[in-house]
Protein backbone atom coordinates (compact mmCIF):
# COMPACT_ATOMS: atom_id res chain seq x y z
CA MET A 1 -33.17 -34.40 46.99
CA GLN A 2 -31.88 -31.91 49.77
CA THR A 3 -31.40 -29.14 47.35
CA GLY A 4 -34.28 -27.44 48.89
CA SER A 5 -36.91 -25.05 47.79
CA ILE A 6 -36.13 -22.77 44.68
CA PHE A 7 -37.03 -19.72 46.77
CA LYS A 8 -33.76 -20.37 48.88
CA TYR A 9 -31.73 -19.23 45.58
CA THR A 10 -31.19 -15.92 43.98
CA ASP A 11 -29.41 -17.74 40.85
CA TYR A 12 -30.73 -20.65 39.01
CA ARG A 13 -27.00 -22.03 38.44
CA SER A 14 -26.68 -22.22 42.29
CA TYR A 15 -29.84 -24.31 42.44
CA LEU A 16 -28.43 -26.65 39.84
CA HIS A 17 -25.04 -27.08 41.57
CA ALA A 18 -26.66 -27.60 44.82
CA TYR A 19 -28.50 -30.51 43.10
CA ALA A 20 -25.47 -32.16 41.43
CA HIS A 21 -23.70 -31.78 44.84
CA ASP A 22 -26.44 -33.59 46.66
CA SER A 23 -26.75 -36.08 43.82
CA LYS A 24 -22.98 -36.96 43.89
CA ARG A 25 -22.96 -37.13 47.83
CA LYS A 26 -25.62 -39.71 47.91
CA ASN A 27 -24.44 -41.83 44.96
CA ALA A 28 -20.73 -41.66 44.06
CA ARG A 29 -21.76 -43.12 40.58
CA TRP A 30 -23.89 -40.30 39.72
CA SER A 31 -22.61 -38.30 36.70
CA TYR A 32 -23.47 -35.28 34.55
CA GLY A 33 -24.02 -37.95 31.60
CA GLN A 34 -26.59 -39.56 33.69
CA TRP A 35 -28.44 -36.13 34.50
CA ALA A 36 -28.25 -35.07 30.89
CA MET A 37 -30.09 -38.36 29.64
CA GLN A 38 -32.72 -37.72 32.37
CA LEU A 39 -33.23 -34.28 31.11
CA ASP A 40 -33.39 -35.75 27.39
CA LEU A 41 -30.36 -33.83 26.10
CA ARG A 42 -28.30 -35.04 23.29
CA GLY A 43 -24.92 -34.99 25.52
CA THR A 44 -23.48 -33.34 28.32
CA ALA A 45 -21.70 -30.59 26.66
CA SER A 46 -24.66 -28.07 26.85
CA LEU A 47 -25.53 -29.09 30.48
CA THR A 48 -21.87 -28.47 31.61
CA MET A 49 -21.62 -25.22 29.77
CA VAL A 50 -24.83 -24.20 31.42
CA LEU A 51 -23.20 -25.01 34.82
CA ASN A 52 -19.92 -23.50 34.08
CA GLY A 53 -21.59 -20.37 32.88
CA GLN A 54 -20.43 -20.47 29.43
CA ARG A 55 -24.00 -20.15 27.87
CA ARG A 56 -27.38 -19.59 29.07
CA PRO A 57 -30.30 -22.46 28.92
CA GLY A 58 -32.56 -21.52 25.99
CA PRO A 59 -36.43 -22.07 26.26
CA ASN A 60 -36.42 -25.64 25.49
CA MET A 61 -33.59 -26.48 28.15
CA THR A 62 -35.29 -24.30 30.65
CA GLN A 63 -38.52 -26.31 30.23
CA LYS A 64 -36.64 -29.41 30.64
CA PHE A 65 -35.22 -28.31 33.95
CA VAL A 66 -38.78 -27.38 35.11
CA GLY A 67 -39.90 -30.79 34.40
CA PHE A 68 -37.27 -32.53 35.71
CA PHE A 69 -37.60 -30.66 39.07
CA LYS A 70 -41.34 -30.90 38.79
CA LEU A 71 -41.70 -27.28 39.51
CA LYS A 72 -45.22 -26.08 39.46
CA GLY A 73 -47.08 -22.58 39.87
CA LYS A 74 -45.23 -20.02 41.53
CA GLU A 75 -41.94 -22.05 41.79
CA ARG A 76 -42.19 -22.58 38.06
CA GLU A 77 -42.63 -18.85 37.38
CA TYR A 78 -39.76 -17.87 39.77
CA PHE A 79 -37.29 -20.63 38.07
CA TYR A 80 -38.02 -18.71 34.74
CA ASP A 81 -37.54 -15.71 36.18
CA LEU A 82 -34.13 -16.37 37.55
CA VAL A 83 -33.10 -17.45 34.02
CA ARG A 84 -34.50 -14.16 32.44
CA LEU A 85 -32.49 -12.37 35.47
CA GLU A 86 -29.13 -13.31 33.86
CA LYS A 87 -30.57 -12.48 30.52
CA VAL A 88 -31.00 -8.76 31.38
CA LYS A 89 -28.12 -8.54 33.78
CA ASP A 90 -26.35 -5.67 31.89
CA ASP A 91 -29.57 -3.39 32.41
CA PRO A 92 -30.10 -2.19 35.90
CA ARG A 93 -33.38 -0.89 35.14
CA LEU A 94 -34.84 -4.23 33.75
CA SER A 95 -33.01 -6.38 36.55
CA VAL A 96 -34.92 -4.40 39.11
CA LEU A 97 -38.03 -4.26 37.40
CA LEU A 98 -37.73 -8.00 37.09
CA MET A 99 -36.88 -8.53 40.86
CA GLU A 100 -39.53 -6.62 41.83
CA GLN A 101 -41.97 -9.07 39.77
CA MET A 102 -40.07 -11.93 41.49
CA SER A 103 -41.02 -10.50 44.95
CA LYS A 104 -44.72 -11.19 44.19
CA VAL A 105 -44.22 -14.66 43.76
CA HIS A 106 -41.86 -15.30 46.56
CA PRO A 107 -43.56 -16.61 49.55
CA ASN A 108 -41.64 -14.43 51.97
CA GLN A 109 -41.27 -11.48 49.83
CA GLU A 110 -37.55 -11.66 50.42
CA PHE A 111 -36.66 -9.91 46.80
CA LYS A 112 -37.09 -6.26 48.42
CA VAL A 113 -37.55 -3.44 46.03
CA LEU A 114 -34.32 -1.52 45.28
CA ASP A 115 -34.25 1.29 42.75
CA HIS A 116 -31.92 0.78 39.63
CA LYS A 117 -29.58 3.59 40.45
CA THR A 118 -28.59 2.02 43.67
CA PHE A 119 -28.49 -1.55 42.07
CA SER A 120 -26.19 -0.02 39.22
CA ALA A 121 -23.89 1.36 42.04
CA ILE A 122 -23.73 -1.89 43.95
CA SER A 123 -23.41 -4.21 40.87
CA HIS A 124 -20.97 -2.52 38.68
CA TRP A 125 -17.36 -2.64 39.20
CA HIS A 126 -16.47 0.72 37.58
CA TYR A 127 -18.86 2.93 39.70
CA TYR A 128 -16.50 2.45 42.83
CA ALA A 129 -13.42 2.65 40.69
CA ILE A 130 -14.43 5.93 39.13
CA ARG A 131 -15.28 7.19 42.47
CA GLU A 132 -11.88 6.38 44.05
CA MET A 133 -10.17 7.72 40.83
CA THR A 134 -11.43 11.19 41.99
CA ARG A 135 -8.70 11.02 44.44
CA LEU A 136 -5.98 10.98 41.91
CA ALA A 137 -3.82 13.87 41.70
CA ASP A 138 -4.14 14.33 37.99
CA PHE A 139 -7.66 13.19 37.87
CA GLN A 140 -9.99 14.68 34.90
CA GLU A 141 -13.50 14.70 34.54
CA ASN A 142 -13.36 13.56 31.14
CA PRO A 143 -14.94 10.24 30.13
CA ASN A 144 -12.26 9.63 27.31
CA TRP A 145 -9.49 10.14 30.07
CA ILE A 146 -11.13 7.91 32.51
CA VAL A 147 -11.51 5.04 29.88
CA ARG A 148 -7.79 5.37 28.80
CA HIS A 149 -6.74 5.16 32.58
CA LEU A 150 -8.52 1.98 33.22
CA HIS A 151 -7.03 -1.54 32.64
CA PHE A 152 -10.53 -2.93 31.99
CA LYS A 153 -12.93 -2.02 29.38
CA ILE A 154 -15.87 0.41 29.64
CA THR A 155 -17.33 3.07 27.35
CA PRO A 156 -17.44 6.92 27.84
CA ARG A 157 -21.14 6.71 27.90
CA GLU A 158 -21.06 4.23 30.92
CA VAL A 159 -18.50 6.58 32.54
CA LYS A 160 -21.21 9.71 32.28
CA VAL A 161 -24.09 7.61 33.57
CA ALA A 162 -21.71 6.33 36.37
CA ILE A 163 -20.92 9.80 37.75
CA GLN A 164 -24.18 11.23 37.41
CA THR A 165 -25.52 8.08 39.43
CA LEU A 166 -23.08 8.41 41.99
CA LEU A 167 -23.81 12.23 42.21
CA GLU A 168 -27.65 11.44 42.67
CA LEU A 169 -26.91 8.85 45.39
CA GLY A 170 -24.61 11.16 47.15
CA LEU A 171 -21.68 9.05 46.97
CA LEU A 172 -19.76 11.91 44.88
CA LYS A 173 -20.27 15.71 45.32
CA ARG A 174 -18.81 18.97 43.69
CA ASP A 175 -16.59 21.33 45.77
CA GLY A 176 -16.65 25.12 45.40
CA GLU A 177 -14.63 24.61 42.05
CA GLU A 178 -17.45 22.22 40.66
CA LYS A 179 -14.70 19.57 40.83
CA LEU A 180 -15.71 15.88 41.62
CA LYS A 181 -14.99 14.83 45.32
CA VAL A 182 -15.79 11.55 47.10
CA SER A 183 -18.75 11.98 49.53
CA TYR A 184 -19.88 9.38 52.15
CA GLY A 185 -23.39 8.85 51.49
CA ARG A 186 -24.87 5.23 52.34
CA LEU A 187 -26.38 2.62 50.37
CA ASP A 188 -28.97 0.10 51.25
CA THR A 189 -27.43 -3.34 51.10
CA GLN A 190 -29.58 -5.25 53.59
CA ASN A 191 -31.95 -7.21 51.26
CA ASP A 192 -31.70 -9.79 48.55
CA VAL A 193 -31.76 -7.51 45.62
CA ALA A 194 -28.62 -5.77 46.91
CA SER A 195 -27.04 -9.00 47.55
CA GLU A 196 -27.77 -9.86 43.89
CA GLY A 197 -25.97 -6.76 43.11
CA ILE A 198 -23.07 -7.33 45.36
CA LYS A 199 -22.50 -11.12 44.11
CA ARG A 200 -22.27 -9.53 40.43
CA PHE A 201 -19.78 -6.87 41.81
CA HIS A 202 -17.51 -9.49 43.22
CA GLU A 203 -17.95 -11.76 40.18
CA GLN A 204 -16.59 -8.88 38.32
CA MET A 205 -13.48 -8.01 40.33
CA ILE A 206 -12.62 -11.84 40.68
CA SER A 207 -12.79 -12.09 36.85
CA HIS A 208 -10.57 -8.87 36.85
CA GLY A 209 -8.08 -10.29 39.37
CA LYS A 210 -7.77 -13.39 37.25
CA GLU A 211 -6.93 -11.23 33.88
CA SER A 212 -4.33 -9.00 36.12
CA VAL A 213 -2.25 -12.15 36.54
CA ARG A 214 -1.11 -12.08 32.84
CA LEU A 215 -2.00 -8.43 32.13
CA ILE A 216 -0.28 -6.56 34.95
CA PRO A 217 3.42 -6.68 35.52
CA VAL A 218 4.39 -8.43 38.79
CA GLU A 219 5.83 -5.34 40.25
CA GLU A 220 2.53 -3.86 40.26
CA ARG A 221 0.56 -6.45 41.98
CA GLU A 222 0.55 -8.83 44.51
CA ILE A 223 -1.21 -12.20 44.14
CA THR A 224 -0.48 -14.99 46.57
CA ALA A 225 -2.40 -17.80 47.88
CA SER A 226 -2.08 -20.40 50.89
CA THR A 227 -3.98 -23.85 51.27
CA PHE A 228 -4.35 -25.05 54.94
CA THR A 229 -6.51 -26.89 57.16
CA MET A 230 -8.65 -25.37 59.88
CA ARG A 231 -11.64 -26.05 62.24
CA SER A 232 -15.12 -24.87 60.74
CA ALA A 233 -15.74 -23.39 64.23
CA ASN A 234 -13.08 -20.81 63.60
CA ILE A 235 -14.51 -19.62 60.45
CA PRO A 236 -16.28 -16.44 62.38
CA LYS A 237 -12.78 -15.57 63.61
CA ALA A 238 -11.07 -15.91 60.50
CA LYS A 239 -13.83 -13.66 58.76
CA GLU A 240 -13.30 -11.12 61.28
CA MET A 241 -9.53 -11.03 61.30
CA ILE A 242 -9.94 -10.68 57.44
CA ARG A 243 -12.34 -7.73 57.74
CA LYS A 244 -9.79 -6.01 60.26
CA PHE A 245 -6.83 -6.41 58.11
CA LYS A 246 -8.80 -4.96 55.18
CA GLN A 247 -10.12 -2.06 57.16
CA LYS A 248 -6.38 -1.33 58.47
CA PHE A 249 -4.65 -1.86 55.12
CA CYS A 250 -7.11 0.68 53.47
CA ARG A 251 -6.89 3.18 56.40
CA LEU A 252 -3.25 2.98 56.42
CA LEU A 253 -2.57 3.37 52.31
CA GLU A 254 -5.65 5.32 50.89
CA GLU A 255 -4.90 8.93 50.48
CA GLU A 256 -6.09 12.04 48.50
CA GLY A 257 -3.83 12.93 45.55
CA GLY A 258 -2.49 9.23 44.89
CA ASP A 259 -1.11 8.22 41.50
CA GLN A 260 -2.90 4.89 41.08
CA THR A 261 -6.30 3.51 41.85
CA TYR A 262 -6.03 -0.21 43.18
CA GLN A 263 -8.62 -2.97 44.24
CA VAL A 264 -7.54 -5.49 47.05
CA ASN A 265 -9.57 -8.81 46.92
CA ILE A 266 -9.03 -11.24 49.58
CA GLN A 267 -10.25 -14.64 48.83
CA PHE A 268 -11.05 -17.08 51.85
CA PHE A 269 -13.27 -20.20 50.77
CA PRO A 270 -13.21 -24.16 51.17
CA LEU A 271 -11.69 -26.28 48.82
CA THR A 272 -13.24 -29.50 50.62
CA LYS A 273 -16.94 -30.31 51.29
CA ASN A 274 -18.20 -29.81 54.70
CA ARG A 275 -17.42 -33.15 56.70
CA ARG A 276 -20.87 -33.38 57.87
CA GLU A 277 -22.44 -33.36 54.60
CA SER A 278 -20.03 -36.21 53.30
């Protein structure tokens, strides 16, 4: 199996998907049904639901994965922690505490410590949405007003916590009239804990983008797609072009006193497997 060490992963599903991908590549007859039998599961339903993110593995299934992959010692502990990490994903404080614990068993200590406030700002979609909403001409620092003006659900309490955290992190400030204004503090995103937070942020925004297809009138959105073939060697060039476009797009259109807060997502990913791995 070329899935590699469990310590390469910050998400247990990525590890499971990597195993499935490697198994299928090595043997075209390999199936999830075969894997379910090897795991001593009653059928494939529970396995595919876990892989698709529709459910979490319970203690019994988690133990079966550990036994199947022959994980022992620190590897076993790390896998269990990855499963726990998803269970506490809605609590930034517990997430960071758990990742601090994981850093102690990681051989390269790649899960670096990050305070829970910074992790919250990185990993929750509504923090930056609220920050940008302060630019609206009619913005009101009222949790209920903010909740009413967002397409996607959050609670007034979440709004209060977000504003207080953004102020403490220097991402928002108060002017002479005590009104909220955007400030330009910086967050440390150069470690694996931050990387986990960024992944969560993108997962949430991609989910909102999916909902917007049916929720928001076509006149107020632009969702298009192109499918094309290119050389892998041009991936760095493609990424740089996307980054430059995003920066120019925001620079030209962003302004104080606007009447809507928008999110722009640009999705660029392979539909085919790497030919060198096939």
